[in-house]
Amino acid sequence: MKQKKLFEEFPATSTGEWLDRIRAELKGADLNEKLLWKTGEGFDLMPFYRREDMEKLRYTDAFMPLYLGKDGLKCRNSKEDPGQLGKSKGDKAASWLVRQDVLVQSYASANEQALSLLERGVDSLGFLIGDPDTISNENFAMLLRDFNPSCAEINFSSEGKAIEIVSLVSDLLADKEPGRKSVRGAVEADPLVRLMIQGKLCIPVDAGLDYLAALVRKAMDLPYYRSIHIHGTYFRKAGSGPVLELALAIAMAVEYIDQLTSRGIDPGTAASAIRFSFGIGPSYFMEIGRLRAARLLWEVVCRKFGVTDDFPARMEIHSETVLNAAAGDPFLNMIGSQAAAMSAIIGGTDSLTVHPVEYRNGMTGDFPERIARNQQLLLKEEAFFDRVADPSAGSYYIETITSHIAENAWNIFLQIEKKGGFLQALNSGMIHTLLHDRKDHGEKAGDRKGENYKLS
């Protein structure tokens, strides 16, 4: 017997017929006023989309999620689990790392806490070092005691001594099987964000960028260790939406690559040194589309710099929940953070921090931190979110959002490039204006390199 297609007995309905029915249901009310979503991000969204709308999108054959290897721990490279940039959708499950940060006040206590977290499902640690003067071989030997670098990535955030941190990590973990090649994570250096927040660096800007180039060279001893961490979350906290946050992050990354290549570093090495961090808010579908769009734009940037190899051109994304705390209602916060976590994972994040519910006058304790961890573990072990590659692919709605975000973020990026790049735009006050005046977000602009960049 000939197998029938599902619902083939029902006649096809045209877009015009759907619109006529919607207008009839609205009883004469204006469709655009009632159902059009004015996102405030430079574009509007219709209440429904159909297959025919996909014909207008130029990116849908692009490689979207270049995830970690099949075991969730190994990074891709040309010899192991190779990907085809720009050829097809991802074919690997969306495995992400569960991250939790540890405040380092006592190195012995931080080590004990970190090892405990590893036993409770965390596979990405962030050590927040408040006093860089405490960084020493003795303290780091204590901090990394009994740590197996193949079990989890290890990240450091400090106000200084980034090169010393990389040296200590390399030396202390080199002898642990399988050695330096197994060390993953990042030293989260980001001098341009510090310049934006504080208005100055502790040394001249050019000297700071020289130091960053030295840091990148030093981190080459650890092939899977990132040394530049672009904190897009700071843009979000300063008032940006998802589109502007993405545009500013891409502009900052281009500035870093320009500065590093001018200091003799290969573009592929510069690109592979960068990790992006994005804040994930409550706009569920917008956040999914933003992370998907980020990979599209990063592919265009890498291609323009001549970076085509799989690993250097792979965008590494860390996400963290950024939500307004509902005073006195931790359960509502939990629902919001879970939805944000879902959107980050579906969007293709590589690692994720779910910030714990805040109460007790803003303080957190063991219980909210445990809940924050378990929110991700539930999505892995019970909802099986790590079993599907690019789960939103093919959704007419999300594919359209992805395309709109990519186009609008690219236009903002071109405005910044026309100004001379991120550093010039920051010095001129343009970045401040963009963060505080959303009316220019949708405007198109040229490019400082003579229209070299084309989003296609």
Protein backbone atom coordinates (compact mmCIF):
# COMPACT_ATOMS: atom_id res chain seq x y z
CA MET A 1 0.00 0.00 0.00
CA LYS A 2 1.07 3.54 -0.69
CA GLN A 3 1.88 5.27 2.55
CA LYS A 4 -0.03 8.51 2.97
CA LYS A 5 1.59 11.66 4.22
CA LEU A 6 0.26 12.98 7.49
CA PHE A 7 -2.74 15.30 7.01
CA GLU A 8 -2.52 15.10 3.20
CA GLU A 9 -6.31 14.74 3.06
CA PHE A 10 -6.62 18.33 4.27
CA PRO A 11 -6.42 21.03 1.58
CA ALA A 12 -3.46 23.42 1.66
CA THR A 13 -4.16 26.87 3.04
CA SER A 14 -2.49 29.90 1.52
CA THR A 15 -0.97 32.76 3.50
CA GLY A 16 -3.68 35.05 2.18
CA GLU A 17 -6.38 32.74 3.51
CA TRP A 18 -4.73 32.69 6.93
CA LEU A 19 -4.57 36.50 6.98
CA ASP A 20 -8.21 36.75 5.95
CA ARG A 21 -9.22 34.44 8.80
CA ILE A 22 -7.12 36.42 11.30
CA ARG A 23 -8.71 39.69 10.20
CA ALA A 24 -12.15 38.13 10.54
CA GLU A 25 -11.34 36.98 14.08
CA LEU A 26 -10.09 40.48 14.94
CA LYS A 27 -13.50 41.89 13.86
CA GLY A 28 -12.02 44.80 11.95
CA ALA A 29 -9.21 45.65 14.39
CA ASP A 30 -5.86 46.46 12.81
CA LEU A 31 -3.67 43.33 12.61
CA ASN A 32 -0.44 45.29 13.00
CA GLU A 33 -1.66 47.03 16.14
CA LYS A 34 -3.02 43.87 17.74
CA LEU A 35 -0.59 41.11 16.77
CA LEU A 36 2.60 42.64 15.38
CA TRP A 37 5.45 42.40 17.91
CA LYS A 38 7.41 45.64 17.94
CA THR A 39 10.57 44.23 19.47
CA GLY A 40 12.40 47.52 20.04
CA GLU A 41 15.48 45.88 18.51
CA GLY A 42 15.14 47.48 15.07
CA PHE A 43 12.65 45.04 13.57
CA ASP A 44 9.07 43.84 13.98
CA LEU A 45 7.78 40.26 14.01
CA MET A 46 4.65 38.88 12.47
CA PRO A 47 2.36 36.59 14.50
CA PHE A 48 3.12 33.63 12.21
CA TYR A 49 5.56 32.55 9.51
CA ARG A 50 5.39 29.92 6.81
CA ARG A 51 7.76 27.85 4.70
CA GLU A 52 7.70 30.46 1.95
CA ASP A 53 9.28 32.97 4.35
CA MET A 54 12.38 30.78 4.57
CA GLU A 55 13.13 31.42 0.91
CA LYS A 56 14.05 35.00 1.83
CA LEU A 57 16.69 33.89 4.36
CA ARG A 58 20.27 33.62 3.12
CA TYR A 59 21.89 31.79 5.98
CA THR A 60 19.83 28.63 6.55
CA ASP A 61 22.49 26.33 5.04
CA ALA A 62 25.19 27.73 7.34
CA PHE A 63 26.81 25.58 9.99
CA MET A 64 25.17 26.67 13.24
CA PRO A 65 26.31 24.90 16.41
CA LEU A 66 29.97 23.85 16.43
CA TYR A 67 29.71 22.13 19.77
CA LEU A 68 32.26 20.35 21.87
CA GLY A 69 33.12 16.76 21.03
CA LYS A 70 30.76 13.88 21.51
CA ASP A 71 31.84 13.32 25.12
CA GLY A 72 31.18 16.96 25.97
CA LEU A 73 34.77 17.52 27.07
CA LYS A 74 37.06 17.64 24.04
CA CYS A 75 37.30 20.61 21.73
CA ARG A 76 37.02 20.15 17.99
CA ASN A 77 40.13 20.35 15.85
CA SER A 78 41.16 19.29 12.37
CA LYS A 79 42.06 15.75 13.45
CA GLU A 80 39.26 14.94 15.85
CA ASP A 81 35.56 15.29 15.06
CA PRO A 82 36.05 17.78 12.18
CA GLY A 83 33.28 20.17 11.23
CA GLN A 84 32.47 21.77 7.89
CA LEU A 85 32.23 25.51 8.38
CA GLY A 86 29.43 26.99 6.31
CA LYS A 87 28.36 23.67 4.79
CA SER A 88 25.59 22.12 6.87
CA LYS A 89 23.73 22.15 10.15
CA GLY A 90 25.41 20.73 13.19
CA ASP A 91 25.29 16.99 13.64
CA LYS A 92 26.42 16.75 17.25
CA ALA A 93 24.30 16.96 20.35
CA ALA A 94 24.14 20.28 22.18
CA SER A 95 26.40 19.29 25.05
CA TRP A 96 27.20 22.24 27.28
CA LEU A 97 29.24 22.68 30.45
CA VAL A 98 27.65 23.50 33.80
CA ARG A 99 29.65 26.34 35.32
CA GLN A 100 29.77 27.64 38.86
CA ASP A 101 32.12 30.30 40.18
CA VAL A 102 34.22 30.11 43.34
CA LEU A 103 35.34 33.23 45.18
CA VAL A 104 39.00 32.75 46.11
CA GLN A 105 39.75 34.22 49.52
CA SER A 106 41.43 31.20 51.06
CA TYR A 107 43.13 29.05 48.41
CA ALA A 108 42.72 25.91 50.52
CA SER A 109 39.00 26.55 51.03
CA ALA A 110 38.52 27.35 47.35
CA ASN A 111 40.16 24.04 46.42
CA GLU A 112 37.89 22.14 48.80
CA GLN A 113 34.80 23.89 47.42
CA ALA A 114 35.84 23.30 43.80
CA LEU A 115 36.41 19.57 44.31
CA SER A 116 33.04 19.34 46.01
CA LEU A 117 31.35 21.07 43.06
CA LEU A 118 32.95 18.62 40.63
CA GLU A 119 31.29 15.78 42.53
CA ARG A 120 27.92 17.51 42.22
CA GLY A 121 27.69 17.81 38.45
CA VAL A 122 29.72 20.96 37.73
CA ASP A 123 32.19 20.57 34.85
CA SER A 124 33.28 24.20 34.47
CA LEU A 125 34.86 26.13 37.34
CA GLY A 126 35.40 29.86 37.54
CA PHE A 127 37.89 31.05 40.15
CA LEU A 128 37.33 34.72 41.05
CA ILE A 129 40.57 36.06 42.52
CA GLY A 130 39.99 39.31 44.36
CA ASP A 131 43.62 40.08 45.22
CA PRO A 132 46.11 39.43 42.39
CA ASP A 133 49.00 39.91 44.82
CA THR A 134 48.14 36.52 46.30
CA ILE A 135 48.89 34.74 42.98
CA SER A 136 51.91 32.55 43.58
CA ASN A 137 53.17 29.05 42.84
CA GLU A 138 52.47 27.94 46.40
CA ASN A 139 48.87 29.21 46.42
CA PHE A 140 48.07 27.85 42.96
CA ALA A 141 49.54 24.47 43.84
CA MET A 142 47.09 24.44 46.75
CA LEU A 143 44.21 25.67 44.58
CA LEU A 144 44.74 23.02 41.88
CA ARG A 145 45.57 20.16 44.23
CA ASP A 146 43.93 16.87 43.15
CA PHE A 147 42.46 18.58 40.09
CA ASN A 148 42.18 16.48 36.90
CA PRO A 149 42.24 18.83 33.89
CA SER A 150 40.44 16.32 31.67
CA CYS A 151 37.34 16.34 33.89
CA ALA A 152 36.40 20.02 33.77
CA GLU A 153 37.45 23.34 32.33
CA ILE A 154 39.09 25.85 34.62
CA ASN A 155 38.62 29.61 34.32
CA PHE A 156 40.22 32.53 36.15
CA SER A 157 39.10 36.09 36.64
CA SER A 158 41.57 38.49 38.22
CA GLU A 159 42.35 42.22 38.15
CA GLY A 160 45.93 41.46 37.14
CA LYS A 161 48.74 38.94 36.60
CA ALA A 162 47.02 37.10 33.75
CA ILE A 163 50.34 35.97 32.24
CA GLU A 164 51.44 34.61 35.62
CA ILE A 165 48.16 32.68 35.89
CA VAL A 166 48.68 31.05 32.48
CA SER A 167 52.26 30.13 33.41
CA LEU A 168 51.19 28.59 36.70
CA VAL A 169 48.33 26.62 35.14
CA SER A 170 50.63 25.36 32.40
CA ASP A 171 53.38 24.33 34.83
CA LEU A 172 51.17 22.80 37.52
CA LEU A 173 48.96 20.77 35.16
CA ALA A 174 51.56 19.84 32.53
CA ASP A 175 52.59 16.64 34.29
CA LYS A 176 49.02 15.44 34.84
CA GLU A 177 47.92 12.97 32.19
CA PRO A 178 47.27 13.83 29.35
CA GLY A 179 49.11 17.11 29.99
CA ARG A 180 48.76 20.58 28.55
CA LYS A 181 46.59 19.44 25.63
CA SER A 182 43.83 18.50 28.05
CA VAL A 183 43.67 21.88 29.82
CA ARG A 184 40.56 23.83 28.81
CA GLY A 185 39.13 27.11 30.03
CA ALA A 186 40.16 30.75 29.98
CA VAL A 187 41.97 33.56 31.73
CA GLU A 188 39.26 36.16 31.39
CA ALA A 189 41.31 39.17 30.29
CA ASP A 190 39.25 41.97 28.74
CA PRO A 191 41.05 45.35 28.93
CA LEU A 192 38.59 47.14 26.62
CA VAL A 193 35.65 46.34 28.90
CA ARG A 194 37.69 47.57 31.87
CA LEU A 195 38.49 50.73 29.92
CA MET A 196 34.79 51.19 29.16
CA ILE A 197 33.73 50.72 32.79
CA GLN A 198 36.53 52.57 34.57
CA GLY A 199 37.45 55.13 31.90
CA LYS A 200 41.12 54.15 32.10
CA LEU A 201 43.54 51.27 32.60
CA CYS A 202 46.28 51.02 35.20
CA ILE A 203 48.75 51.45 32.31
CA PRO A 204 48.48 53.27 28.93
CA VAL A 205 46.06 51.61 26.51
CA ASP A 206 48.78 50.70 23.97
CA ALA A 207 50.83 49.12 26.75
CA GLY A 208 47.75 47.21 27.87
CA LEU A 209 47.26 45.84 24.36
CA ASP A 210 50.98 44.94 24.20
CA TYR A 211 50.47 42.99 27.42
CA LEU A 212 47.43 41.27 25.88
CA ALA A 213 49.51 40.20 22.88
CA ALA A 214 52.13 38.75 25.24
CA LEU A 215 49.34 36.92 27.09
CA VAL A 216 48.03 35.39 23.85
CA ARG A 217 51.52 34.22 22.93
CA LYS A 218 52.01 32.70 26.37
CA ALA A 219 48.66 30.89 26.20
CA MET A 220 49.73 29.19 22.96
CA ASP A 221 51.36 26.59 25.24
CA LEU A 222 47.80 25.53 26.12
CA PRO A 223 46.09 24.85 22.76
CA TYR A 224 42.53 24.83 24.15
CA TYR A 225 42.90 27.69 26.59
CA ARG A 226 41.35 31.08 25.81
CA SER A 227 43.03 34.25 26.99
CA ILE A 228 40.51 36.96 25.95
CA HIS A 229 37.00 36.91 27.37
CA ILE A 230 34.60 39.44 25.85
CA HIS A 231 32.08 40.20 28.59
CA GLY A 232 28.94 41.04 26.65
CA THR A 233 27.08 40.78 29.96
CA TYR A 234 28.46 44.20 30.90
CA PHE A 235 26.75 45.71 27.86
CA ARG A 236 23.51 44.06 28.93
CA LYS A 237 23.82 45.42 32.46
CA ALA A 238 24.56 48.86 31.01
CA GLY A 239 21.23 48.90 29.20
CA SER A 240 21.68 47.11 25.87
CA GLY A 241 19.24 44.61 24.42
CA PRO A 242 20.25 41.32 22.77
CA VAL A 243 20.94 42.90 19.37
CA LEU A 244 23.13 45.73 20.63
CA GLU A 245 24.98 43.40 23.01
CA LEU A 246 25.85 41.14 20.08
CA ALA A 247 26.92 44.04 17.86
CA LEU A 248 29.20 45.52 20.52
CA ALA A 249 30.73 42.13 21.30
CA ILE A 250 31.51 41.49 17.63
CA ALA A 251 32.95 45.00 17.26
CA MET A 252 35.16 44.47 20.30
CA ALA A 253 36.36 41.12 18.95
CA VAL A 254 37.28 42.72 15.62
CA GLU A 255 39.19 45.43 17.51
CA TYR A 256 41.13 42.78 19.42
CA ILE A 257 42.00 40.87 16.26
CA ASP A 258 43.09 44.11 14.54
CA GLN A 259 45.27 45.04 17.51
CA LEU A 260 46.79 41.58 17.86
CA THR A 261 47.55 41.12 14.16
CA SER A 262 49.22 44.54 14.12
CA ARG A 263 51.48 43.14 16.84
CA GLY A 264 52.52 40.15 14.74
CA ILE A 265 49.98 37.54 15.87
CA ASP A 266 48.38 35.35 13.23
CA PRO A 267 44.62 36.04 12.72
CA GLY A 268 43.77 32.41 13.43
CA THR A 269 45.68 32.50 16.71
CA ALA A 270 43.97 35.76 17.64
CA ALA A 271 40.51 34.41 16.83
CA SER A 272 41.07 31.20 18.76
CA ALA A 273 42.12 33.20 21.83
CA ILE A 274 38.69 34.83 22.14
CA ARG A 275 35.71 33.63 24.15
CA PHE A 276 32.38 35.46 24.19
CA SER A 277 30.14 35.84 27.21
CA PHE A 278 26.50 36.85 26.78
CA GLY A 279 23.84 37.73 29.31
CA ILE A 280 20.62 35.76 28.91
CA GLY A 281 17.46 37.65 29.80
CA PRO A 282 13.77 36.78 29.85
CA SER A 283 13.03 37.25 26.11
CA TYR A 284 12.99 33.53 25.34
CA PHE A 285 12.90 33.34 21.53
CA MET A 286 14.99 36.49 21.12
CA GLU A 287 17.80 34.97 23.20
CA ILE A 288 17.73 31.75 21.16
CA GLY A 289 17.97 33.72 17.94
CA ARG A 290 20.72 35.99 19.28
CA LEU A 291 23.11 33.11 20.09
CA ARG A 292 22.43 31.51 16.72
CA ALA A 293 23.02 34.84 14.98
CA ALA A 294 26.27 35.30 16.89
CA ARG A 295 27.82 32.28 15.22
CA LEU A 296 26.76 33.54 11.80
CA LEU A 297 28.41 36.93 12.31
CA TRP A 298 31.55 35.41 13.78
CA GLU A 299 31.89 33.19 10.71
CA VAL A 300 31.72 36.28 8.47
CA VAL A 301 34.36 38.06 10.57
CA CYS A 302 36.71 35.08 10.60
CA ARG A 303 36.32 34.59 6.86
CA LYS A 304 37.19 38.26 6.26
CA PHE A 305 40.37 37.90 8.32
CA GLY A 306 41.26 34.80 6.28
CA VAL A 307 40.52 32.33 9.09
CA THR A 308 38.91 29.22 7.59
CA ASP A 309 40.22 26.36 9.74
CA ASP A 310 37.60 24.75 11.95
CA PHE A 311 39.00 25.30 15.43
CA PRO A 312 40.24 28.93 15.17
CA ALA A 313 36.99 29.97 13.49
CA ARG A 314 34.83 28.26 16.08
CA MET A 315 32.96 30.75 18.29
CA GLU A 316 33.10 29.74 21.94
CA ILE A 317 30.16 31.09 23.92
CA HIS A 318 29.61 31.28 27.65
CA SER A 319 26.19 32.44 28.85
CA GLU A 320 24.91 33.60 32.20
CA THR A 321 21.42 34.42 33.35
CA VAL A 322 20.73 38.14 33.77
CA LEU A 323 17.32 38.67 35.35
CA ASN A 324 15.69 41.28 37.53
CA ALA A 325 15.18 39.79 40.97
CA ALA A 326 11.54 39.65 42.03
CA ALA A 327 11.72 40.88 45.62
CA GLY A 328 10.40 38.33 48.06
CA ASP A 329 9.55 35.74 45.40
CA PRO A 330 12.48 33.35 44.85
CA PHE A 331 10.21 30.83 43.13
CA LEU A 332 9.36 33.31 40.39
CA ASN A 333 13.08 33.97 39.97
CA MET A 334 13.61 30.23 39.61
CA ILE A 335 11.06 29.99 36.81
CA GLY A 336 12.64 32.93 35.01
CA SER A 337 16.18 31.59 35.31
CA GLN A 338 15.07 28.16 34.10
CA ALA A 339 13.49 29.68 30.99
CA ALA A 340 16.66 31.72 30.40
CA ALA A 341 18.78 28.58 30.77
CA MET A 342 16.62 26.76 28.24
CA SER A 343 16.98 29.55 25.69
CA ALA A 344 20.78 29.62 26.12
CA ILE A 345 21.04 25.87 25.61
CA ILE A 346 18.70 25.78 22.62
CA GLY A 347 20.60 28.74 21.17
CA GLY A 348 23.84 26.76 21.35
CA THR A 349 25.86 27.96 24.32
CA ASP A 350 29.04 26.04 25.19
CA SER A 351 28.88 26.71 28.92
CA LEU A 352 26.29 28.23 31.20
CA THR A 353 26.10 29.89 34.60
CA VAL A 354 22.66 29.96 36.20
CA HIS A 355 22.91 32.50 38.97
CA PRO A 356 21.26 31.38 42.19
CA VAL A 357 17.99 32.80 43.45
CA GLU A 358 18.76 35.82 45.63
CA TYR A 359 17.12 36.38 48.94
CA ARG A 360 18.19 36.98 52.55
CA ASN A 361 19.00 40.63 51.79
CA GLY A 362 20.80 39.73 48.58
CA MET A 363 22.88 36.94 50.07
CA THR A 364 22.95 33.43 48.67
CA GLY A 365 23.68 30.20 50.47
CA ASP A 366 24.22 26.51 49.80
CA PHE A 367 20.59 25.79 49.00
CA PRO A 368 20.07 28.38 46.19
CA GLU A 369 23.46 27.44 44.70
CA ARG A 370 22.42 23.79 44.73
CA ILE A 371 19.12 24.67 43.04
CA ALA A 372 20.98 26.68 40.37
CA ARG A 373 23.20 23.68 39.58
CA ASN A 374 20.30 21.28 39.54
CA GLN A 375 18.33 23.47 37.14
CA GLN A 376 20.92 22.66 34.49
CA LEU A 377 21.28 19.02 35.51
CA LEU A 378 17.53 18.53 35.14
CA LEU A 379 17.69 19.89 31.61
CA LYS A 380 20.45 17.39 30.85
CA GLU A 381 19.47 14.26 32.70
CA GLU A 382 15.68 14.44 32.66
CA ALA A 383 14.72 16.73 29.78
CA PHE A 384 17.58 15.43 27.55
CA PHE A 385 18.46 18.85 26.17
CA ASP A 386 21.96 17.53 25.47
CA ARG A 387 20.69 14.88 23.04
CA VAL A 388 19.69 17.14 20.12
CA ALA A 389 21.80 19.24 17.75
CA ASP A 390 20.45 22.70 16.94
CA PRO A 391 16.92 21.87 18.15
CA SER A 392 15.43 25.14 16.88
CA ALA A 393 16.61 24.63 13.29
CA GLY A 394 13.71 24.66 10.87
CA SER A 395 11.40 26.69 13.08
CA TYR A 396 10.11 29.37 10.73
CA TYR A 397 9.70 31.78 13.64
CA ILE A 398 13.15 31.29 15.20
CA GLU A 399 14.92 31.18 11.85
CA THR A 400 13.33 34.55 11.02
CA ILE A 401 14.32 36.02 14.39
CA THR A 402 17.87 34.76 13.84
CA SER A 403 18.04 36.46 10.46
CA HIS A 404 16.64 39.78 11.76
CA ILE A 405 19.04 39.83 14.72
CA ALA A 406 22.02 39.07 12.49
CA GLU A 407 21.10 41.83 10.02
CA ASN A 408 20.41 44.46 12.67
CA ALA A 409 23.46 43.64 14.79
CA TRP A 410 25.58 43.76 11.64
CA ASN A 411 24.27 47.23 10.79
CA ILE A 412 25.25 48.50 14.25
CA PHE A 413 28.65 46.85 13.86
CA LEU A 414 29.14 48.69 10.57
CA GLN A 415 28.33 51.98 12.28
CA ILE A 416 31.12 51.29 14.76
CA GLU A 417 33.53 50.27 11.99
CA LYS A 418 32.76 53.48 10.10
CA LYS A 419 33.73 55.39 13.24
CA GLY A 420 37.11 53.65 13.22
CA GLY A 421 36.45 50.55 15.28
CA PHE A 422 35.46 49.85 18.86
CA LEU A 423 38.30 51.75 20.53
CA GLN A 424 37.72 54.90 18.48
CA ALA A 425 33.97 54.64 19.02
CA LEU A 426 34.54 54.27 22.76
CA ASN A 427 36.83 57.30 22.92
CA SER A 428 34.39 59.41 20.90
CA GLY A 429 31.45 58.57 23.15
CA MET A 430 29.60 56.59 20.46
CA ILE A 431 29.43 53.41 22.55
CA HIS A 432 27.91 55.37 25.43
CA THR A 433 25.38 56.90 23.01
CA LEU A 434 24.41 53.50 21.61
CA LEU A 435 23.88 52.13 25.10
CA HIS A 436 21.65 55.03 26.11
CA ASP A 437 19.87 55.92 22.88
CA ARG A 438 18.13 53.02 21.18
CA LYS A 439 16.67 55.03 18.30
CA ASP A 440 19.76 54.54 16.09
CA HIS A 441 19.87 50.77 16.37
CA GLY A 442 18.23 50.04 13.06
CA GLU A 443 20.17 52.51 10.93
CA LYS A 444 22.56 51.29 8.27
CA ALA A 445 26.12 52.49 7.96
CA GLY A 446 29.21 51.91 5.88
CA ASP A 447 32.54 50.37 6.76
CA ARG A 448 35.90 51.91 7.58
CA LYS A 449 37.61 49.47 5.22
CA GLY A 450 35.67 50.58 2.17
CA GLU A 451 32.62 48.29 2.32
CA ASN A 452 34.84 45.22 2.63
CA TYR A 453 32.40 43.44 4.93
CA LYS A 454 29.38 41.82 3.35
CA LEU A 455 26.86 39.81 5.32
CA SER A 456 26.25 36.99 2.86
